[in-house]
Amino acid sequence: MLHADVLCGADLLDIEVTCGFGCDLISDSLCFARPGCLLLTGLTNVQIIRLAEMVEARAIVFVRGKRPGEDVIKLAREKGLPLLATDLFLFESCGILYQAGLRSS
């Protein structure tokens, strides 16, 4: 659907996500992302994994061709958090997922 590469957590891709949230601001993500969400972002530093843990996100999709460093992937593996990456822009990714039935947080 998003033509995404799985960076880690391929064995966890059958987990259920209850909603989606797309954002590049840590502060907005902390305020508006909801537990069980699929988080879409262009942020690739290690703080995004910590944020995902705090908001109880189920997985992260990196957009715009962004790829996190190995330290981020390693931490996601430790946390059991699937990471995916797509070349699509945030807006387009959210639109595709919305059309597929995923609603916002």
Foldseek 3Di string as FASTA:
>chain_A
DQPKDWLDLPVPVVDAAQAEDEDADLVVLLVFQAARYEYEYQDADLVVVVSCVNRNYQEYEHELQHDHDPVNSVVCVVVSHIYIYGNHHRVVVNVVVVVVPHHHD
